[in-house]
Amino acid sequence: MEDEKRVVEMDRAVYAIIINSLLSMKNELRQQEKETDLIDKVIIKIAKAPSKKQKGIFHRKKGDSYETR
């Protein structure tokens, strides 16, 4: 059975919060002398995830979508 893949869109602020949270969790596990392999894999996956390039010129947010010129 193939693993289900999920796509999450986030801005830079959310991305930074997730990375910082994972790093904090990794540091806590290290202090407790526990394995950090799984956290390391998740950090690498998130860091290597491609960013979505927006097409067009985005100048103003209206509702939940951006308007283009």
PDB file of N, CA and C in Angstrom:
ATOM      1  N   MET A   1       0.837  -1.172   0.000  1.00  0.00           N
ATOM      2  CA  MET A   1       0.000   0.000   0.000  1.00  0.00           C
ATOM      3  C   MET A   1       0.889   1.245   0.000  1.00  0.00           C
ATOM      4  N   GLU A   2       0.611   2.151  -0.909  1.00  0.00           N
ATOM      5  CA  GLU A   2       1.409   3.365  -1.033  1.00  0.00           C
ATOM      6  C   GLU A   2       0.968   4.394   0.001  1.00  0.00           C
ATOM      7  N   ASP A   3       1.949   5.115   0.557  1.00  0.00           N
ATOM      8  CA  ASP A   3       1.629   6.159   1.530  1.00  0.00           C
ATOM      9  C   ASP A   3       0.872   7.292   0.853  1.00  0.00           C
ATOM     10  N   GLU A   4      -0.077   7.844   1.573  1.00  0.00           N
ATOM     11  CA  GLU A   4      -0.835   8.983   1.070  1.00  0.00           C
ATOM     12  C   GLU A   4       0.029  10.231   1.177  1.00  0.00           C
ATOM     13  N   LYS A   5       0.088  11.024   0.110  1.00  0.00           N
ATOM     14  CA  LYS A   5       0.872  12.259   0.119  1.00  0.00           C
ATOM     15  C   LYS A   5      -0.056  13.428   0.352  1.00  0.00           C
ATOM     16  N   ARG A   6       0.466  14.420   1.059  1.00  0.00           N
ATOM     17  CA  ARG A   6      -0.304  15.634   1.345  1.00  0.00           C
ATOM     18  C   ARG A   6       0.498  16.855   0.936  1.00  0.00           C
ATOM     19  N   VAL A   7      -0.188  17.858   0.462  1.00  0.00           N
ATOM     20  CA  VAL A   7       0.435  19.113   0.066  1.00  0.00           C
ATOM     21  C   VAL A   7      -0.106  20.207   0.976  1.00  0.00           C
ATOM     22  N   VAL A   8       0.806  20.981   1.540  1.00  0.00           N
ATOM     23  CA  VAL A   8       0.417  22.060   2.444  1.00  0.00           C
ATOM     24  C   VAL A   8       1.004  23.362   1.899  1.00  0.00           C
ATOM     25  N   GLU A   9       0.157  24.373   1.754  1.00  0.00           N
ATOM     26  CA  GLU A   9       0.640  25.686   1.346  1.00  0.00           C
ATOM     27  C   GLU A   9       0.786  26.546   2.586  1.00  0.00           C
ATOM     28  N   MET A  10       1.931  27.240   2.689  1.00  0.00           N
ATOM     29  CA  MET A  10       2.183  28.082   3.853  1.00  0.00           C
ATOM     30  C   MET A  10       3.054  29.251   3.440  1.00  0.00           C
ATOM     31  N   ASP A  11       2.965  30.334   4.195  1.00  0.00           N
ATOM     32  CA  ASP A  11       3.829  31.468   3.929  1.00  0.00           C
ATOM     33  C   ASP A  11       5.142  31.289   4.706  1.00  0.00           C
ATOM     34  N   ARG A  12       6.042  32.217   4.536  1.00  0.00           N
ATOM     35  CA  ARG A  12       7.363  32.105   5.172  1.00  0.00           C
ATOM     36  C   ARG A  12       7.293  32.087   6.687  1.00  0.00           C
ATOM     37  N   ALA A  13       6.358  32.830   7.243  1.00  0.00           N
ATOM     38  CA  ALA A  13       6.240  32.886   8.700  1.00  0.00           C
ATOM     39  C   ALA A  13       5.848  31.522   9.262  1.00  0.00           C
ATOM     40  N   VAL A  14       4.879  30.874   8.649  1.00  0.00           N
ATOM     41  CA  VAL A  14       4.441  29.549   9.108  1.00  0.00           C
ATOM     42  C   VAL A  14       5.565  28.536   8.908  1.00  0.00           C
ATOM     43  N   TYR A  15       6.249  28.632   7.773  1.00  0.00           N
ATOM     44  CA  TYR A  15       7.385  27.744   7.484  1.00  0.00           C
ATOM     45  C   TYR A  15       8.444  27.878   8.584  1.00  0.00           C
ATOM     46  N   ALA A  16       8.758  29.118   8.965  1.00  0.00           N
ATOM     47  CA  ALA A  16       9.762  29.358  10.002  1.00  0.00           C
ATOM     48  C   ALA A  16       9.309  28.793  11.353  1.00  0.00           C
ATOM     49  N   ILE A  17       8.027  28.945  11.671  1.00  0.00           N
ATOM     50  CA  ILE A  17       7.500  28.412  12.926  1.00  0.00           C
ATOM     51  C   ILE A  17       7.630  26.894  12.959  1.00  0.00           C
ATOM     52  N   ILE A  18       7.308  26.239  11.860  1.00  0.00           N
ATOM     53  CA  ILE A  18       7.393  24.777  11.808  1.00  0.00           C
ATOM     54  C   ILE A  18       8.835  24.308  11.961  1.00  0.00           C
ATOM     55  N   ILE A  19       9.742  24.928  11.226  1.00  0.00           N
ATOM     56  CA  ILE A  19      11.165  24.543  11.322  1.00  0.00           C
ATOM     57  C   ILE A  19      11.680  24.777  12.740  1.00  0.00           C
ATOM     58  N   ASN A  20      11.382  25.932  13.317  1.00  0.00           N
ATOM     59  CA  ASN A  20      11.841  26.232  14.692  1.00  0.00           C
ATOM     60  C   ASN A  20      11.255  25.262  15.704  1.00  0.00           C
ATOM     61  N   SER A  21      10.000  24.892  15.529  1.00  0.00           N
ATOM     62  CA  SER A  21       9.369  23.932  16.442  1.00  0.00           C
ATOM     63  C   SER A  21      10.031  22.563  16.350  1.00  0.00           C
ATOM     64  N   LEU A  22      10.312  22.137  15.138  1.00  0.00           N
ATOM     65  CA  LEU A  22      10.987  20.845  14.961  1.00  0.00           C
ATOM     66  C   LEU A  22      12.394  20.862  15.557  1.00  0.00           C
ATOM     67  N   LEU A  23      13.099  21.969  15.373  1.00  0.00           N
ATOM     68  CA  LEU A  23      14.441  22.071  15.947  1.00  0.00           C
ATOM     69  C   LEU A  23      14.389  22.072  17.476  1.00  0.00           C
ATOM     70  N   SER A  24      13.390  22.737  18.044  1.00  0.00           N
ATOM     71  CA  SER A  24      13.226  22.730  19.505  1.00  0.00           C
ATOM     72  C   SER A  24      12.933  21.316  20.012  1.00  0.00           C
ATOM     73  N   MET A  25      12.064  20.617  19.284  1.00  0.00           N
ATOM     74  CA  MET A  25      11.736  19.246  19.658  1.00  0.00           C
ATOM     75  C   MET A  25      12.977  18.353  19.579  1.00  0.00           C
ATOM     76  N   LYS A  26      13.777  18.563  18.540  1.00  0.00           N
ATOM     77  CA  LYS A  26      15.013  17.783  18.387  1.00  0.00           C
ATOM     78  C   LYS A  26      15.967  18.056  19.550  1.00  0.00           C
ATOM     79  N   ASN A  27      16.098  19.317  19.949  1.00  0.00           N
ATOM     80  CA  ASN A  27      16.980  19.669  21.067  1.00  0.00           C
ATOM     81  C   ASN A  27      16.501  19.056  22.381  1.00  0.00           C
ATOM     82  N   GLU A  28      15.179  19.053  22.585  1.00  0.00           N
ATOM     83  CA  GLU A  28      14.632  18.423  23.794  1.00  0.00           C
ATOM     84  C   GLU A  28      14.920  16.929  23.816  1.00  0.00           C
ATOM     85  N   LEU A  29      14.770  16.267  22.675  1.00  0.00           N
ATOM     86  CA  LEU A  29      15.061  14.833  22.600  1.00  0.00           C
ATOM     87  C   LEU A  29      16.535  14.549  22.860  1.00  0.00           C
ATOM     88  N   ARG A  30      17.395  15.428  22.343  1.00  0.00           N
ATOM     89  CA  ARG A  30      18.838  15.264  22.592  1.00  0.00           C
ATOM     90  C   ARG A  30      19.159  15.381  24.076  1.00  0.00           C
ATOM     91  N   GLN A  31      18.535  16.345  24.745  1.00  0.00           N
ATOM     92  CA  GLN A  31      18.776  16.529  26.179  1.00  0.00           C
ATOM     93  C   GLN A  31      18.329  15.310  26.974  1.00  0.00           C
ATOM     94  N   GLN A  32      17.280  14.647  26.473  1.00  0.00           N
ATOM     95  CA  GLN A  32      16.784  13.435  27.127  1.00  0.00           C
ATOM     96  C   GLN A  32      17.521  12.187  26.637  1.00  0.00           C
ATOM     97  N   GLU A  33      18.532  12.407  25.786  1.00  0.00           N
ATOM     98  CA  GLU A  33      19.347  11.336  25.202  1.00  0.00           C
ATOM     99  C   GLU A  33      18.492  10.305  24.456  1.00  0.00           C
ATOM    100  N   LYS A  34      17.528  10.820  23.684  1.00  0.00           N
ATOM    101  CA  LYS A  34      16.668   9.961  22.870  1.00  0.00           C
ATOM    102  C   LYS A  34      17.023  10.123  21.396  1.00  0.00           C
ATOM    103  N   GLU A  35      16.530   9.208  20.579  1.00  0.00           N
ATOM    104  CA  GLU A  35      16.796   9.228  19.139  1.00  0.00           C
ATOM    105  C   GLU A  35      16.134  10.439  18.480  1.00  0.00           C
ATOM    106  N   THR A  36      16.815  11.034  17.505  1.00  0.00           N
ATOM    107  CA  THR A  36      16.258  12.169  16.770  1.00  0.00           C
ATOM    108  C   THR A  36      16.156  11.884  15.269  1.00  0.00           C
ATOM    109  N   ASP A  37      16.317  10.630  14.873  1.00  0.00           N
ATOM    110  CA  ASP A  37      16.339  10.279  13.455  1.00  0.00           C
ATOM    111  C   ASP A  37      15.065  10.685  12.721  1.00  0.00           C
ATOM    112  N   LEU A  38      13.920  10.419  13.303  1.00  0.00           N
ATOM    113  CA  LEU A  38      12.656  10.747  12.644  1.00  0.00           C
ATOM    114  C   LEU A  38      12.493  12.257  12.478  1.00  0.00           C
ATOM    115  N   ILE A  39      12.829  13.010  13.510  1.00  0.00           N
ATOM    116  CA  ILE A  39      12.738  14.476  13.433  1.00  0.00           C
ATOM    117  C   ILE A  39      13.691  15.003  12.373  1.00  0.00           C
ATOM    118  N   ASP A  40      14.903  14.423  12.304  1.00  0.00           N
ATOM    119  CA  ASP A  40      15.876  14.831  11.284  1.00  0.00           C
ATOM    120  C   ASP A  40      15.316  14.623   9.880  1.00  0.00           C
ATOM    121  N   LYS A  41      14.674  13.481   9.650  1.00  0.00           N
ATOM    122  CA  LYS A  41      14.094  13.196   8.333  1.00  0.00           C
ATOM    123  C   LYS A  41      13.005  14.193   7.968  1.00  0.00           C
ATOM    124  N   VAL A  42      12.164  14.546   8.940  1.00  0.00           N
ATOM    125  CA  VAL A  42      11.082  15.508   8.681  1.00  0.00           C
ATOM    126  C   VAL A  42      11.659  16.890   8.378  1.00  0.00           C
ATOM    127  N   ILE A  43      12.668  17.306   9.125  1.00  0.00           N
ATOM    128  CA  ILE A  43      13.300  18.605   8.888  1.00  0.00           C
ATOM    129  C   ILE A  43      13.880  18.652   7.482  1.00  0.00           C
ATOM    130  N   ILE A  44      14.559  17.600   7.079  1.00  0.00           N
ATOM    131  CA  ILE A  44      15.156  17.550   5.738  1.00  0.00           C
ATOM    132  C   ILE A  44      14.071  17.595   4.667  1.00  0.00           C
ATOM    133  N   LYS A  45      12.977  16.837   4.853  1.00  0.00           N
ATOM    134  CA  LYS A  45      11.889  16.849   3.873  1.00  0.00           C
ATOM    135  C   LYS A  45      11.285  18.238   3.719  1.00  0.00           C
ATOM    136  N   ILE A  46      11.051  18.901   4.837  1.00  0.00           N
ATOM    137  CA  ILE A  46      10.453  20.238   4.773  1.00  0.00           C
ATOM    138  C   ILE A  46      11.423  21.234   4.145  1.00  0.00           C
ATOM    139  N   ALA A  47      12.699  21.133   4.493  1.00  0.00           N
ATOM    140  CA  ALA A  47      13.694  22.058   3.951  1.00  0.00           C
ATOM    141  C   ALA A  47      13.863  21.877   2.445  1.00  0.00           C
ATOM    142  N   LYS A  48      13.719  20.655   1.951  1.00  0.00           N
ATOM    143  CA  LYS A  48      13.889  20.381   0.522  1.00  0.00           C
ATOM    144  C   LYS A  48      12.602  20.544  -0.284  1.00  0.00           C
ATOM    145  N   ALA A  49      11.486  20.789   0.373  1.00  0.00           N
ATOM    146  CA  ALA A  49      10.205  20.923  -0.328  1.00  0.00           C
ATOM    147  C   ALA A  49      10.257  22.122  -1.271  1.00  0.00           C
ATOM    148  N   PRO A  50       9.795  21.933  -2.497  1.00  0.00           N
ATOM    149  CA  PRO A  50       9.830  23.058  -3.450  1.00  0.00           C
ATOM    150  C   PRO A  50       8.817  24.127  -3.078  1.00  0.00           C
ATOM    151  N   SER A  51       9.140  25.354  -3.439  1.00  0.00           N
ATOM    152  CA  SER A  51       8.185  26.429  -3.213  1.00  0.00           C
ATOM    153  C   SER A  51       7.380  26.628  -4.487  1.00  0.00           C
ATOM    154  N   LYS A  52       6.153  27.034  -4.318  1.00  0.00           N
ATOM    155  CA  LYS A  52       5.273  27.242  -5.462  1.00  0.00           C
ATOM    156  C   LYS A  52       5.518  28.643  -6.000  1.00  0.00           C
ATOM    157  N   LYS A  53       5.852  28.718  -7.248  1.00  0.00           N
ATOM    158  CA  LYS A  53       6.080  30.014  -7.887  1.00  0.00           C
ATOM    159  C   LYS A  53       4.744  30.564  -8.356  1.00  0.00           C
ATOM    160  N   GLN A  54       4.487  31.807  -8.026  1.00  0.00           N
ATOM    161  CA  GLN A  54       3.246  32.455  -8.440  1.00  0.00           C
ATOM    162  C   GLN A  54       3.440  33.049  -9.834  1.00  0.00           C
ATOM    163  N   LYS A  55       2.437  32.921 -10.670  1.00  0.00           N
ATOM    164  CA  LYS A  55       2.495  33.504 -12.002  1.00  0.00           C
ATOM    165  C   LYS A  55       1.811  34.863 -11.977  1.00  0.00           C
ATOM    166  N   GLY A  56       2.288  35.755 -12.802  1.00  0.00           N
ATOM    167  CA  GLY A  56       1.667  37.069 -12.890  1.00  0.00           C
ATOM    168  C   GLY A  56       2.243  38.021 -11.858  1.00  0.00           C
ATOM    169  N   ILE A  57       1.682  39.200 -11.838  1.00  0.00           N
ATOM    170  CA  ILE A  57       2.122  40.220 -10.887  1.00  0.00           C
ATOM    171  C   ILE A  57       1.063  40.312  -9.798  1.00  0.00           C
ATOM    172  N   PHE A  58       1.449  40.009  -8.594  1.00  0.00           N
ATOM    173  CA  PHE A  58       0.524  40.017  -7.475  1.00  0.00           C
ATOM    174  C   PHE A  58       0.759  41.283  -6.678  1.00  0.00           C
ATOM    175  N   HIS A  59      -0.285  42.072  -6.532  1.00  0.00           N
ATOM    176  CA  HIS A  59      -0.083  43.352  -5.884  1.00  0.00           C
ATOM    177  C   HIS A  59      -1.007  43.602  -4.711  1.00  0.00           C
ATOM    178  N   ARG A  60      -2.073  42.834  -4.586  1.00  0.00           N
ATOM    179  CA  ARG A  60      -3.018  43.123  -3.522  1.00  0.00           C
ATOM    180  C   ARG A  60      -3.830  41.868  -3.230  1.00  0.00           C
ATOM    181  N   LYS A  61      -4.051  41.606  -1.974  1.00  0.00           N
ATOM    182  CA  LYS A  61      -4.837  40.441  -1.595  1.00  0.00           C
ATOM    183  C   LYS A  61      -6.296  40.847  -1.460  1.00  0.00           C
ATOM    184  N   LYS A  62      -7.175  40.077  -2.066  1.00  0.00           N
ATOM    185  CA  LYS A  62      -8.601  40.337  -1.979  1.00  0.00           C
ATOM    186  C   LYS A  62      -9.275  39.037  -1.585  1.00  0.00           C
ATOM    187  N   GLY A  63      -9.850  39.013  -0.387  1.00  0.00           N
ATOM    188  CA  GLY A  63     -10.478  37.785   0.090  1.00  0.00           C
ATOM    189  C   GLY A  63      -9.430  36.723   0.325  1.00  0.00           C
ATOM    190  N   ASP A  64      -9.658  35.528  -0.225  1.00  0.00           N
ATOM    191  CA  ASP A  64      -8.705  34.425  -0.057  1.00  0.00           C
ATOM    192  C   ASP A  64      -7.791  34.256  -1.251  1.00  0.00           C
ATOM    193  N   SER A  65      -7.929  35.093  -2.272  1.00  0.00           N
ATOM    194  CA  SER A  65      -7.082  34.956  -3.455  1.00  0.00           C
ATOM    195  C   SER A  65      -6.424  36.287  -3.782  1.00  0.00           C
ATOM    196  N   TYR A  66      -5.415  36.221  -4.612  1.00  0.00           N
ATOM    197  CA  TYR A  66      -4.696  37.416  -5.019  1.00  0.00           C
ATOM    198  C   TYR A  66      -5.212  37.878  -6.377  1.00  0.00           C
ATOM    199  N   GLU A  67      -5.275  39.193  -6.540  1.00  0.00           N
ATOM    200  CA  GLU A  67      -5.641  39.754  -7.825  1.00  0.00           C
ATOM    201  C   GLU A  67      -4.369  39.977  -8.636  1.00  0.00           C
ATOM    202  N   THR A  68      -4.467  39.818  -9.939  1.00  0.00           N
ATOM    203  CA  THR A  68      -3.334  40.101 -10.814  1.00  0.00           C
ATOM    204  C   THR A  68      -3.698  41.258 -11.715  1.00  0.00           C
ATOM    205  N   ARG A  69      -2.669  41.885 -12.229  1.00  0.00           N
ATOM    206  CA  ARG A  69      -2.917  42.974 -13.175  1.00  0.00           C
ATOM    207  C   ARG A  69      -3.152  42.423 -14.538  1.00  0.00           C
TER     208      ARG A  69
END
